[in-house]
Amino acid sequence: MASNIHAEGGQAAVVLGDLSTAIGAQQVADEAVKAFGGIDILI
């Protein structure tokens, strides 16, 4: 999916992690913020 978005000129990142713990969720959030320079929408 991310490759399709890139091919169309969009920006995408895949961030994987363990959401079953607060530490894992924080790691996912940190990686997403790092990938995009900020997060203003969480779905």
PDB file of all heavy atoms in Angstrom:
ATOM      1  N   MET A   1       0.793  -1.195   0.000  1.00  0.00           N
ATOM      2  CA  MET A   1       0.000   0.000   0.000  1.00  0.00           C
ATOM      3  C   MET A   1       0.842   1.270   0.000  1.00  0.00           C
ATOM      4  O   MET A   1       0.559   2.186  -0.732  1.00  0.00           O
ATOM      5  CB  MET A   1      -0.926   0.023   1.206  1.00  0.00           C
ATOM      6  CG  MET A   1      -2.220  -0.684   1.003  1.00  0.00           C
ATOM      7  SD  MET A   1      -3.118   0.069  -0.333  1.00  0.00           S
ATOM      8  CE  MET A   1      -4.590  -0.794  -0.264  1.00  0.00           C
ATOM      9  N   ALA A   2       1.852   1.325   0.878  1.00  0.00           N
ATOM     10  CA  ALA A   2       2.689   2.528   0.933  1.00  0.00           C
ATOM     11  C   ALA A   2       3.357   2.772  -0.412  1.00  0.00           C
ATOM     12  O   ALA A   2       3.468   3.920  -0.851  1.00  0.00           O
ATOM     13  CB  ALA A   2       3.727   2.405   2.035  1.00  0.00           C
ATOM     14  N   SER A   3       3.773   1.710  -1.101  1.00  0.00           N
ATOM     15  CA  SER A   3       4.418   1.878  -2.402  1.00  0.00           C
ATOM     16  C   SER A   3       3.450   2.456  -3.428  1.00  0.00           C
ATOM     17  O   SER A   3       3.849   3.254  -4.280  1.00  0.00           O
ATOM     18  CB  SER A   3       5.007   0.549  -2.889  1.00  0.00           C
ATOM     19  OG  SER A   3       3.991  -0.422  -3.032  1.00  0.00           O
ATOM     20  N   ASN A   4       2.187   2.078  -3.360  1.00  0.00           N
ATOM     21  CA  ASN A   4       1.180   2.645  -4.265  1.00  0.00           C
ATOM     22  C   ASN A   4       0.980   4.134  -4.007  1.00  0.00           C
ATOM     23  O   ASN A   4       0.839   4.916  -4.943  1.00  0.00           O
ATOM     24  CB  ASN A   4      -0.156   1.924  -4.107  1.00  0.00           C
ATOM     25  CG  ASN A   4      -0.104   0.485  -4.559  1.00  0.00           C
ATOM     26  OD1 ASN A   4       0.835   0.060  -5.237  1.00  0.00           O
ATOM     27  ND2 ASN A   4      -1.098  -0.289  -4.170  1.00  0.00           N
ATOM     28  N   ILE A   5       0.982   4.513  -2.762  1.00  0.00           N
ATOM     29  CA  ILE A   5       0.822   5.928  -2.401  1.00  0.00           C
ATOM     30  C   ILE A   5       2.022   6.722  -2.892  1.00  0.00           C
ATOM     31  O   ILE A   5       1.880   7.803  -3.473  1.00  0.00           O
ATOM     32  CB  ILE A   5       0.611   6.079  -0.883  1.00  0.00           C
ATOM     33  CG1 ILE A   5      -0.724   5.445  -0.481  1.00  0.00           C
ATOM     34  CG2 ILE A   5       0.673   7.546  -0.467  1.00  0.00           C
ATOM     35  CD1 ILE A   5      -0.931   5.301   1.005  1.00  0.00           C
ATOM     36  N   HIS A   6       3.216   6.182  -2.684  1.00  0.00           N
ATOM     37  CA  HIS A   6       4.435   6.836  -3.178  1.00  0.00           C
ATOM     38  C   HIS A   6       4.404   6.979  -4.690  1.00  0.00           C
ATOM     39  O   HIS A   6       4.796   8.014  -5.236  1.00  0.00           O
ATOM     40  CB  HIS A   6       5.686   6.066  -2.752  1.00  0.00           C
ATOM     41  CG  HIS A   6       5.974   6.164  -1.294  1.00  0.00           C
ATOM     42  ND1 HIS A   6       6.531   5.115  -0.596  1.00  0.00           N
ATOM     43  CD2 HIS A   6       5.798   7.150  -0.393  1.00  0.00           C
ATOM     44  CE1 HIS A   6       6.673   5.463   0.673  1.00  0.00           C
ATOM     45  NE2 HIS A   6       6.226   6.696   0.818  1.00  0.00           N
ATOM     46  N   ALA A   7       3.953   5.926  -5.382  1.00  0.00           N
ATOM     47  CA  ALA A   7       3.890   5.942  -6.848  1.00  0.00           C
ATOM     48  C   ALA A   7       2.970   7.041  -7.365  1.00  0.00           C
ATOM     49  O   ALA A   7       3.183   7.579  -8.445  1.00  0.00           O
ATOM     50  CB  ALA A   7       3.433   4.575  -7.368  1.00  0.00           C
ATOM     51  N   GLU A   8       1.974   7.384  -6.572  1.00  0.00           N
ATOM     52  CA  GLU A   8       1.032   8.435  -6.963  1.00  0.00           C
ATOM     53  C   GLU A   8       1.460   9.811  -6.470  1.00  0.00           C
ATOM     54  O   GLU A   8       0.731  10.789  -6.612  1.00  0.00           O
ATOM     55  CB  GLU A   8      -0.371   8.109  -6.435  1.00  0.00           C
ATOM     56  CG  GLU A   8      -0.992   6.871  -7.052  1.00  0.00           C
ATOM     57  CD  GLU A   8      -1.293   7.043  -8.537  1.00  0.00           C
ATOM     58  OE1 GLU A   8      -1.701   8.152  -8.939  1.00  0.00           O
ATOM     59  OE2 GLU A   8      -1.095   6.068  -9.285  1.00  0.00           O
ATOM     60  N   GLY A   9       2.648   9.881  -5.872  1.00  0.00           N
ATOM     61  CA  GLY A   9       3.173  11.171  -5.427  1.00  0.00           C
ATOM     62  C   GLY A   9       2.831  11.533  -3.998  1.00  0.00           C
ATOM     63  O   GLY A   9       3.121  12.638  -3.540  1.00  0.00           O
ATOM     64  N   GLY A  10       2.225  10.608  -3.269  1.00  0.00           N
ATOM     65  CA  GLY A  10       1.851  10.874  -1.883  1.00  0.00           C
ATOM     66  C   GLY A  10       2.945  10.480  -0.905  1.00  0.00           C
ATOM     67  O   GLY A  10       3.988   9.940  -1.283  1.00  0.00           O
ATOM     68  N   GLN A  11       2.692  10.755   0.328  1.00  0.00           N
ATOM     69  CA  GLN A  11       3.634  10.429   1.396  1.00  0.00           C
ATOM     70  C   GLN A  11       3.005   9.358   2.271  1.00  0.00           C
ATOM     71  O   GLN A  11       1.856   9.483   2.703  1.00  0.00           O
ATOM     72  CB  GLN A  11       3.930  11.681   2.226  1.00  0.00           C
ATOM     73  CG  GLN A  11       4.962  11.468   3.290  1.00  0.00           C
ATOM     74  CD  GLN A  11       5.210  12.713   4.132  1.00  0.00           C
ATOM     75  OE1 GLN A  11       4.507  13.705   4.020  1.00  0.00           O
ATOM     76  NE2 GLN A  11       6.199  12.646   4.991  1.00  0.00           N
ATOM     77  N   ALA A  12       3.756   8.298   2.528  1.00  0.00           N
ATOM     78  CA  ALA A  12       3.257   7.198   3.357  1.00  0.00           C
ATOM     79  C   ALA A  12       4.418   6.558   4.105  1.00  0.00           C
ATOM     80  O   ALA A  12       5.554   6.575   3.641  1.00  0.00           O
ATOM     81  CB  ALA A  12       2.568   6.146   2.495  1.00  0.00           C
ATOM     82  N   ALA A  13       4.121   6.019   5.253  1.00  0.00           N
ATOM     83  CA  ALA A  13       5.103   5.280   6.034  1.00  0.00           C
ATOM     84  C   ALA A  13       4.381   4.125   6.717  1.00  0.00           C
ATOM     85  O   ALA A  13       3.219   4.247   7.093  1.00  0.00           O
ATOM     86  CB  ALA A  13       5.757   6.177   7.078  1.00  0.00           C
ATOM     87  N   VAL A  14       5.081   3.034   6.855  1.00  0.00           N
ATOM     88  CA  VAL A  14       4.554   1.882   7.578  1.00  0.00           C
ATOM     89  C   VAL A  14       5.273   1.817   8.915  1.00  0.00           C
ATOM     90  O   VAL A  14       6.501   1.788   8.965  1.00  0.00           O
ATOM     91  CB  VAL A  14       4.771   0.580   6.785  1.00  0.00           C
ATOM     92  CG1 VAL A  14       4.293  -0.619   7.599  1.00  0.00           C
ATOM     93  CG2 VAL A  14       4.060   0.646   5.446  1.00  0.00           C
ATOM     94  N   VAL A  15       4.501   1.830   9.985  1.00  0.00           N
ATOM     95  CA  VAL A  15       5.061   1.746  11.330  1.00  0.00           C
ATOM     96  C   VAL A  15       4.418   0.545  12.006  1.00  0.00           C
ATOM     97  O   VAL A  15       3.206   0.478  12.133  1.00  0.00           O
ATOM     98  CB  VAL A  15       4.776   3.035  12.138  1.00  0.00           C
ATOM     99  CG1 VAL A  15       5.330   2.907  13.540  1.00  0.00           C
ATOM    100  CG2 VAL A  15       5.354   4.251  11.430  1.00  0.00           C
ATOM    101  N   LEU A  16       5.238  -0.387  12.415  1.00  0.00           N
ATOM    102  CA  LEU A  16       4.749  -1.600  13.070  1.00  0.00           C
ATOM    103  C   LEU A  16       5.142  -1.580  14.533  1.00  0.00           C
ATOM    104  O   LEU A  16       6.204  -1.060  14.898  1.00  0.00           O
ATOM    105  CB  LEU A  16       5.356  -2.834  12.402  1.00  0.00           C
ATOM    106  CG  LEU A  16       5.070  -3.004  10.911  1.00  0.00           C
ATOM    107  CD1 LEU A  16       5.825  -4.210  10.371  1.00  0.00           C
ATOM    108  CD2 LEU A  16       3.586  -3.137  10.648  1.00  0.00           C
ATOM    109  N   GLY A  17       4.298  -2.147  15.364  1.00  0.00           N
ATOM    110  CA  GLY A  17       4.628  -2.233  16.772  1.00  0.00           C
ATOM    111  C   GLY A  17       3.581  -2.993  17.543  1.00  0.00           C
ATOM    112  O   GLY A  17       2.554  -3.396  17.015  1.00  0.00           O
ATOM    113  N   ASP A  18       3.853  -3.168  18.802  1.00  0.00           N
ATOM    114  CA  ASP A  18       2.986  -3.903  19.721  1.00  0.00           C
ATOM    115  C   ASP A  18       2.125  -2.917  20.491  1.00  0.00           C
ATOM    116  O   ASP A  18       2.615  -2.207  21.364  1.00  0.00           O
ATOM    117  CB  ASP A  18       3.862  -4.716  20.675  1.00  0.00           C
ATOM    118  CG  ASP A  18       3.060  -5.542  21.655  1.00  0.00           C
ATOM    119  OD1 ASP A  18       1.808  -5.535  21.581  1.00  0.00           O
ATOM    120  OD2 ASP A  18       3.680  -6.199  22.506  1.00  0.00           O
ATOM    121  N   LEU A  19       0.843  -2.876  20.174  1.00  0.00           N
ATOM    122  CA  LEU A  19      -0.075  -1.952  20.848  1.00  0.00           C
ATOM    123  C   LEU A  19      -0.669  -2.540  22.124  1.00  0.00           C
ATOM    124  O   LEU A  19      -1.505  -1.902  22.757  1.00  0.00           O
ATOM    125  CB  LEU A  19      -1.193  -1.531  19.891  1.00  0.00           C
ATOM    126  CG  LEU A  19      -0.733  -0.849  18.608  1.00  0.00           C
ATOM    127  CD1 LEU A  19      -1.938  -0.507  17.744  1.00  0.00           C
ATOM    128  CD2 LEU A  19       0.092   0.385  18.903  1.00  0.00           C
ATOM    129  N   SER A  20      -0.207  -3.716  22.508  1.00  0.00           N
ATOM    130  CA  SER A  20      -0.759  -4.327  23.716  1.00  0.00           C
ATOM    131  C   SER A  20      -0.125  -3.770  24.986  1.00  0.00           C
ATOM    132  O   SER A  20      -0.545  -4.128  26.086  1.00  0.00           O
ATOM    133  CB  SER A  20      -0.597  -5.851  23.669  1.00  0.00           C
ATOM    134  OG  SER A  20       0.770  -6.207  23.777  1.00  0.00           O
ATOM    135  N   THR A  21       0.867  -2.893  24.834  1.00  0.00           N
ATOM    136  CA  THR A  21       1.490  -2.254  25.995  1.00  0.00           C
ATOM    137  C   THR A  21       1.620  -0.758  25.743  1.00  0.00           C
ATOM    138  O   THR A  21       1.688  -0.316  24.585  1.00  0.00           O
ATOM    139  CB  THR A  21       2.899  -2.825  26.277  1.00  0.00           C
ATOM    140  OG1 THR A  21       3.780  -2.436  25.216  1.00  0.00           O
ATOM    141  CG2 THR A  21       2.886  -4.332  26.428  1.00  0.00           C
ATOM    142  N   ALA A  22       1.695   0.012  26.802  1.00  0.00           N
ATOM    143  CA  ALA A  22       1.884   1.462  26.670  1.00  0.00           C
ATOM    144  C   ALA A  22       3.239   1.770  26.045  1.00  0.00           C
ATOM    145  O   ALA A  22       3.359   2.701  25.230  1.00  0.00           O
ATOM    146  CB  ALA A  22       1.763   2.133  28.037  1.00  0.00           C
ATOM    147  N   ILE A  23       4.256   0.998  26.378  1.00  0.00           N
ATOM    148  CA  ILE A  23       5.590   1.206  25.802  1.00  0.00           C
ATOM    149  C   ILE A  23       5.559   0.955  24.294  1.00  0.00           C
ATOM    150  O   ILE A  23       6.110   1.733  23.507  1.00  0.00           O
ATOM    151  CB  ILE A  23       6.633   0.305  26.500  1.00  0.00           C
ATOM    152  CG1 ILE A  23       6.839   0.767  27.940  1.00  0.00           C
ATOM    153  CG2 ILE A  23       7.948   0.291  25.740  1.00  0.00           C
ATOM    154  CD1 ILE A  23       7.651  -0.198  28.789  1.00  0.00           C
ATOM    155  N   GLY A  24       4.913  -0.106  23.886  1.00  0.00           N
ATOM    156  CA  GLY A  24       4.796  -0.409  22.458  1.00  0.00           C
ATOM    157  C   GLY A  24       4.031   0.669  21.709  1.00  0.00           C
ATOM    158  O   GLY A  24       4.418   1.065  20.610  1.00  0.00           O
ATOM    159  N   ALA A  25       2.942   1.153  22.292  1.00  0.00           N
ATOM    160  CA  ALA A  25       2.164   2.219  21.658  1.00  0.00           C
ATOM    161  C   ALA A  25       2.994   3.497  21.553  1.00  0.00           C
ATOM    162  O   ALA A  25       2.941   4.196  20.538  1.00  0.00           O
ATOM    163  CB  ALA A  25       0.888   2.473  22.440  1.00  0.00           C
ATOM    164  N   GLN A  26       3.786   3.799  22.577  1.00  0.00           N
ATOM    165  CA  GLN A  26       4.630   4.990  22.535  1.00  0.00           C
ATOM    166  C   GLN A  26       5.686   4.861  21.441  1.00  0.00           C
ATOM    167  O   GLN A  26       5.979   5.834  20.744  1.00  0.00           O
ATOM    168  CB  GLN A  26       5.292   5.227  23.894  1.00  0.00           C
ATOM    169  CG  GLN A  26       6.033   6.548  23.985  1.00  0.00           C
ATOM    170  CD  GLN A  26       5.099   7.739  23.833  1.00  0.00           C
ATOM    171  OE1 GLN A  26       4.170   7.899  24.600  1.00  0.00           O
ATOM    172  NE2 GLN A  26       5.361   8.570  22.834  1.00  0.00           N
ATOM    173  N   GLN A  27       6.232   3.667  21.267  1.00  0.00           N
ATOM    174  CA  GLN A  27       7.215   3.446  20.210  1.00  0.00           C
ATOM    175  C   GLN A  27       6.592   3.649  18.827  1.00  0.00           C
ATOM    176  O   GLN A  27       7.198   4.264  17.948  1.00  0.00           O
ATOM    177  CB  GLN A  27       7.826   2.048  20.327  1.00  0.00           C
ATOM    178  CG  GLN A  27       8.743   1.910  21.519  1.00  0.00           C
ATOM    179  CD  GLN A  27       9.187   0.476  21.774  1.00  0.00           C
ATOM    180  OE1 GLN A  27       8.544  -0.480  21.343  1.00  0.00           O
ATOM    181  NE2 GLN A  27      10.282   0.329  22.490  1.00  0.00           N
ATOM    182  N   VAL A  28       5.379   3.160  18.636  1.00  0.00           N
ATOM    183  CA  VAL A  28       4.667   3.359  17.372  1.00  0.00           C
ATOM    184  C   VAL A  28       4.428   4.847  17.141  1.00  0.00           C
ATOM    185  O   VAL A  28       4.668   5.373  16.051  1.00  0.00           O
ATOM    186  CB  VAL A  28       3.332   2.575  17.357  1.00  0.00           C
ATOM    187  CG1 VAL A  28       2.444   3.006  16.201  1.00  0.00           C
ATOM    188  CG2 VAL A  28       3.603   1.085  17.303  1.00  0.00           C
ATOM    189  N   ALA A  29       3.957   5.535  18.170  1.00  0.00           N
ATOM    190  CA  ALA A  29       3.699   6.975  18.048  1.00  0.00           C
ATOM    191  C   ALA A  29       4.983   7.733  17.722  1.00  0.00           C
ATOM    192  O   ALA A  29       4.988   8.601  16.834  1.00  0.00           O
ATOM    193  CB  ALA A  29       3.079   7.496  19.347  1.00  0.00           C
ATOM    194  N   ASP A  30       6.059   7.415  18.407  1.00  0.00           N
ATOM    195  CA  ASP A  30       7.337   8.097  18.168  1.00  0.00           C
ATOM    196  C   ASP A  30       7.829   7.876  16.741  1.00  0.00           C
ATOM    197  O   ASP A  30       8.311   8.813  16.091  1.00  0.00           O
ATOM    198  CB  ASP A  30       8.395   7.630  19.169  1.00  0.00           C
ATOM    199  CG  ASP A  30       8.104   8.073  20.597  1.00  0.00           C
ATOM    200  OD1 ASP A  30       7.268   8.979  20.800  1.00  0.00           O
ATOM    201  OD2 ASP A  30       8.723   7.499  21.511  1.00  0.00           O
ATOM    202  N   GLU A  31       7.717   6.653  16.247  1.00  0.00           N
ATOM    203  CA  GLU A  31       8.143   6.358  14.877  1.00  0.00           C
ATOM    204  C   GLU A  31       7.281   7.091  13.852  1.00  0.00           C
ATOM    205  O   GLU A  31       7.787   7.572  12.842  1.00  0.00           O
ATOM    206  CB  GLU A  31       8.112   4.850  14.616  1.00  0.00           C
ATOM    207  CG  GLU A  31       9.223   4.093  15.305  1.00  0.00           C
ATOM    208  CD  GLU A  31      10.606   4.472  14.772  1.00  0.00           C
ATOM    209  OE1 GLU A  31      10.784   4.574  13.548  1.00  0.00           O
ATOM    210  OE2 GLU A  31      11.512   4.668  15.607  1.00  0.00           O
ATOM    211  N   ALA A  32       5.985   7.177  14.112  1.00  0.00           N
ATOM    212  CA  ALA A  32       5.087   7.896  13.194  1.00  0.00           C
ATOM    213  C   ALA A  32       5.408   9.387  13.182  1.00  0.00           C
ATOM    214  O   ALA A  32       5.461  10.015  12.121  1.00  0.00           O
ATOM    215  CB  ALA A  32       3.634   7.662  13.586  1.00  0.00           C
ATOM    216  N   VAL A  33       5.640   9.964  14.339  1.00  0.00           N
ATOM    217  CA  VAL A  33       6.010  11.378  14.427  1.00  0.00           C
ATOM    218  C   VAL A  33       7.322  11.612  13.683  1.00  0.00           C
ATOM    219  O   VAL A  33       7.461  12.574  12.915  1.00  0.00           O
ATOM    220  CB  VAL A  33       6.106  11.843  15.899  1.00  0.00           C
ATOM    221  CG1 VAL A  33       6.761  13.212  15.998  1.00  0.00           C
ATOM    222  CG2 VAL A  33       4.727  11.859  16.545  1.00  0.00           C
ATOM    223  N   LYS A  34       8.270  10.715  13.873  1.00  0.00           N
ATOM    224  CA  LYS A  34       9.570  10.833  13.205  1.00  0.00           C
ATOM    225  C   LYS A  34       9.406  10.732  11.682  1.00  0.00           C
ATOM    226  O   LYS A  34      10.031  11.487  10.932  1.00  0.00           O
ATOM    227  CB  LYS A  34      10.503   9.737  13.719  1.00  0.00           C
ATOM    228  CG  LYS A  34      11.877   9.748  13.110  1.00  0.00           C
ATOM    229  CD  LYS A  34      12.723   8.625  13.701  1.00  0.00           C
ATOM    230  CE  LYS A  34      14.050   8.491  12.995  1.00  0.00           C
ATOM    231  NZ  LYS A  34      14.828   7.350  13.507  1.00  0.00           N
ATOM    232  N   ALA A  35       8.585   9.818  11.221  1.00  0.00           N
ATOM    233  CA  ALA A  35       8.405   9.596   9.785  1.00  0.00           C
ATOM    234  C   ALA A  35       7.778  10.802   9.085  1.00  0.00           C
ATOM    235  O   ALA A  35       8.106  11.095   7.938  1.00  0.00           O
ATOM    236  CB  ALA A  35       7.543   8.349   9.547  1.00  0.00           C
ATOM    237  N   PHE A  36       6.880  11.494   9.770  1.00  0.00           N
ATOM    238  CA  PHE A  36       6.144  12.586   9.141  1.00  0.00           C
ATOM    239  C   PHE A  36       6.508  13.963   9.686  1.00  0.00           C
ATOM    240  O   PHE A  36       6.010  14.975   9.211  1.00  0.00           O
ATOM    241  CB  PHE A  36       4.637  12.362   9.289  1.00  0.00           C
ATOM    242  CG  PHE A  36       4.143  11.194   8.500  1.00  0.00           C
ATOM    243  CD1 PHE A  36       3.789  10.016   9.123  1.00  0.00           C
ATOM    244  CD2 PHE A  36       4.062  11.258   7.122  1.00  0.00           C
ATOM    245  CE1 PHE A  36       3.348   8.924   8.389  1.00  0.00           C
ATOM    246  CE2 PHE A  36       3.615  10.182   6.380  1.00  0.00           C
ATOM    247  CZ  PHE A  36       3.260   9.005   7.017  1.00  0.00           C
ATOM    248  N   GLY A  37       7.326  14.008  10.712  1.00  0.00           N
ATOM    249  CA  GLY A  37       7.670  15.298  11.313  1.00  0.00           C
ATOM    250  C   GLY A  37       6.576  15.829  12.220  1.00  0.00           C
ATOM    251  O   GLY A  37       6.671  16.926  12.741  1.00  0.00           O
ATOM    252  N   GLY A  38       5.549  15.049  12.429  1.00  0.00           N
ATOM    253  CA  GLY A  38       4.447  15.431  13.304  1.00  0.00           C
ATOM    254  C   GLY A  38       3.201  14.647  12.944  1.00  0.00           C
ATOM    255  O   GLY A  38       3.069  14.172  11.817  1.00  0.00           O
ATOM    256  N   ILE A  39       2.329  14.518  13.905  1.00  0.00           N
ATOM    257  CA  ILE A  39       1.046  13.828  13.687  1.00  0.00           C
ATOM    258  C   ILE A  39      -0.052  14.733  14.222  1.00  0.00           C
ATOM    259  O   ILE A  39      -0.021  15.142  15.377  1.00  0.00           O
ATOM    260  CB  ILE A  39       0.997  12.472  14.436  1.00  0.00           C
ATOM    261  CG1 ILE A  39       2.088  11.522  13.934  1.00  0.00           C
ATOM    262  CG2 ILE A  39      -0.381  11.833  14.320  1.00  0.00           C
ATOM    263  CD1 ILE A  39       1.922  11.036  12.521  1.00  0.00           C
ATOM    264  N   ASP A  40      -1.014  15.062  13.379  1.00  0.00           N
ATOM    265  CA  ASP A  40      -2.126  15.879  13.852  1.00  0.00           C
ATOM    266  C   ASP A  40      -3.471  15.174  13.711  1.00  0.00           C
ATOM    267  O   ASP A  40      -4.483  15.661  14.173  1.00  0.00           O
ATOM    268  CB  ASP A  40      -2.156  17.248  13.165  1.00  0.00           C
ATOM    269  CG  ASP A  40      -2.163  17.163  11.653  1.00  0.00           C
ATOM    270  OD1 ASP A  40      -2.287  16.060  11.106  1.00  0.00           O
ATOM    271  OD2 ASP A  40      -2.048  18.222  11.027  1.00  0.00           O
ATOM    272  N   ILE A  41      -3.469  13.999  13.090  1.00  0.00           N
ATOM    273  CA  ILE A  41      -4.691  13.204  12.995  1.00  0.00           C
ATOM    274  C   ILE A  41      -4.349  11.757  13.345  1.00  0.00           C
ATOM    275  O   ILE A  41      -3.418  11.177  12.785  1.00  0.00           O
ATOM    276  CB  ILE A  41      -5.322  13.261  11.597  1.00  0.00           C
ATOM    277  CG1 ILE A  41      -5.696  14.699  11.247  1.00  0.00           C
ATOM    278  CG2 ILE A  41      -6.546  12.347  11.520  1.00  0.00           C
ATOM    279  CD1 ILE A  41      -6.186  14.879   9.831  1.00  0.00           C
ATOM    280  N   LEU A  42      -5.098  11.192  14.275  1.00  0.00           N
ATOM    281  CA  LEU A  42      -4.960   9.787  14.659  1.00  0.00           C
ATOM    282  C   LEU A  42      -6.273   9.096  14.324  1.00  0.00           C
ATOM    283  O   LEU A  42      -7.333   9.530  14.779  1.00  0.00           O
ATOM    284  CB  LEU A  42      -4.671   9.659  16.162  1.00  0.00           C
ATOM    285  CG  LEU A  42      -4.780   8.257  16.759  1.00  0.00           C
ATOM    286  CD1 LEU A  42      -3.762   7.306  16.142  1.00  0.00           C
ATOM    287  CD2 LEU A  42      -4.632   8.319  18.277  1.00  0.00           C
ATOM    288  N   ILE A  43      -6.202   8.065  13.514  1.00  0.00           N
ATOM    289  CA  ILE A  43      -7.389   7.269  13.200  1.00  0.00           C
ATOM    290  C   ILE A  43      -7.171   5.885  13.787  1.00  0.00           C
ATOM    291  O   ILE A  43      -6.269   5.158  13.369  1.00  0.00           O
ATOM    292  CB  ILE A  43      -7.642   7.182  11.684  1.00  0.00           C
ATOM    293  CG1 ILE A  43      -7.849   8.583  11.117  1.00  0.00           C
ATOM    294  CG2 ILE A  43      -8.845   6.268  11.397  1.00  0.00           C
ATOM    295  CD1 ILE A  43      -7.973   8.633   9.614  1.00  0.00           C
TER     296      ILE A  43
END
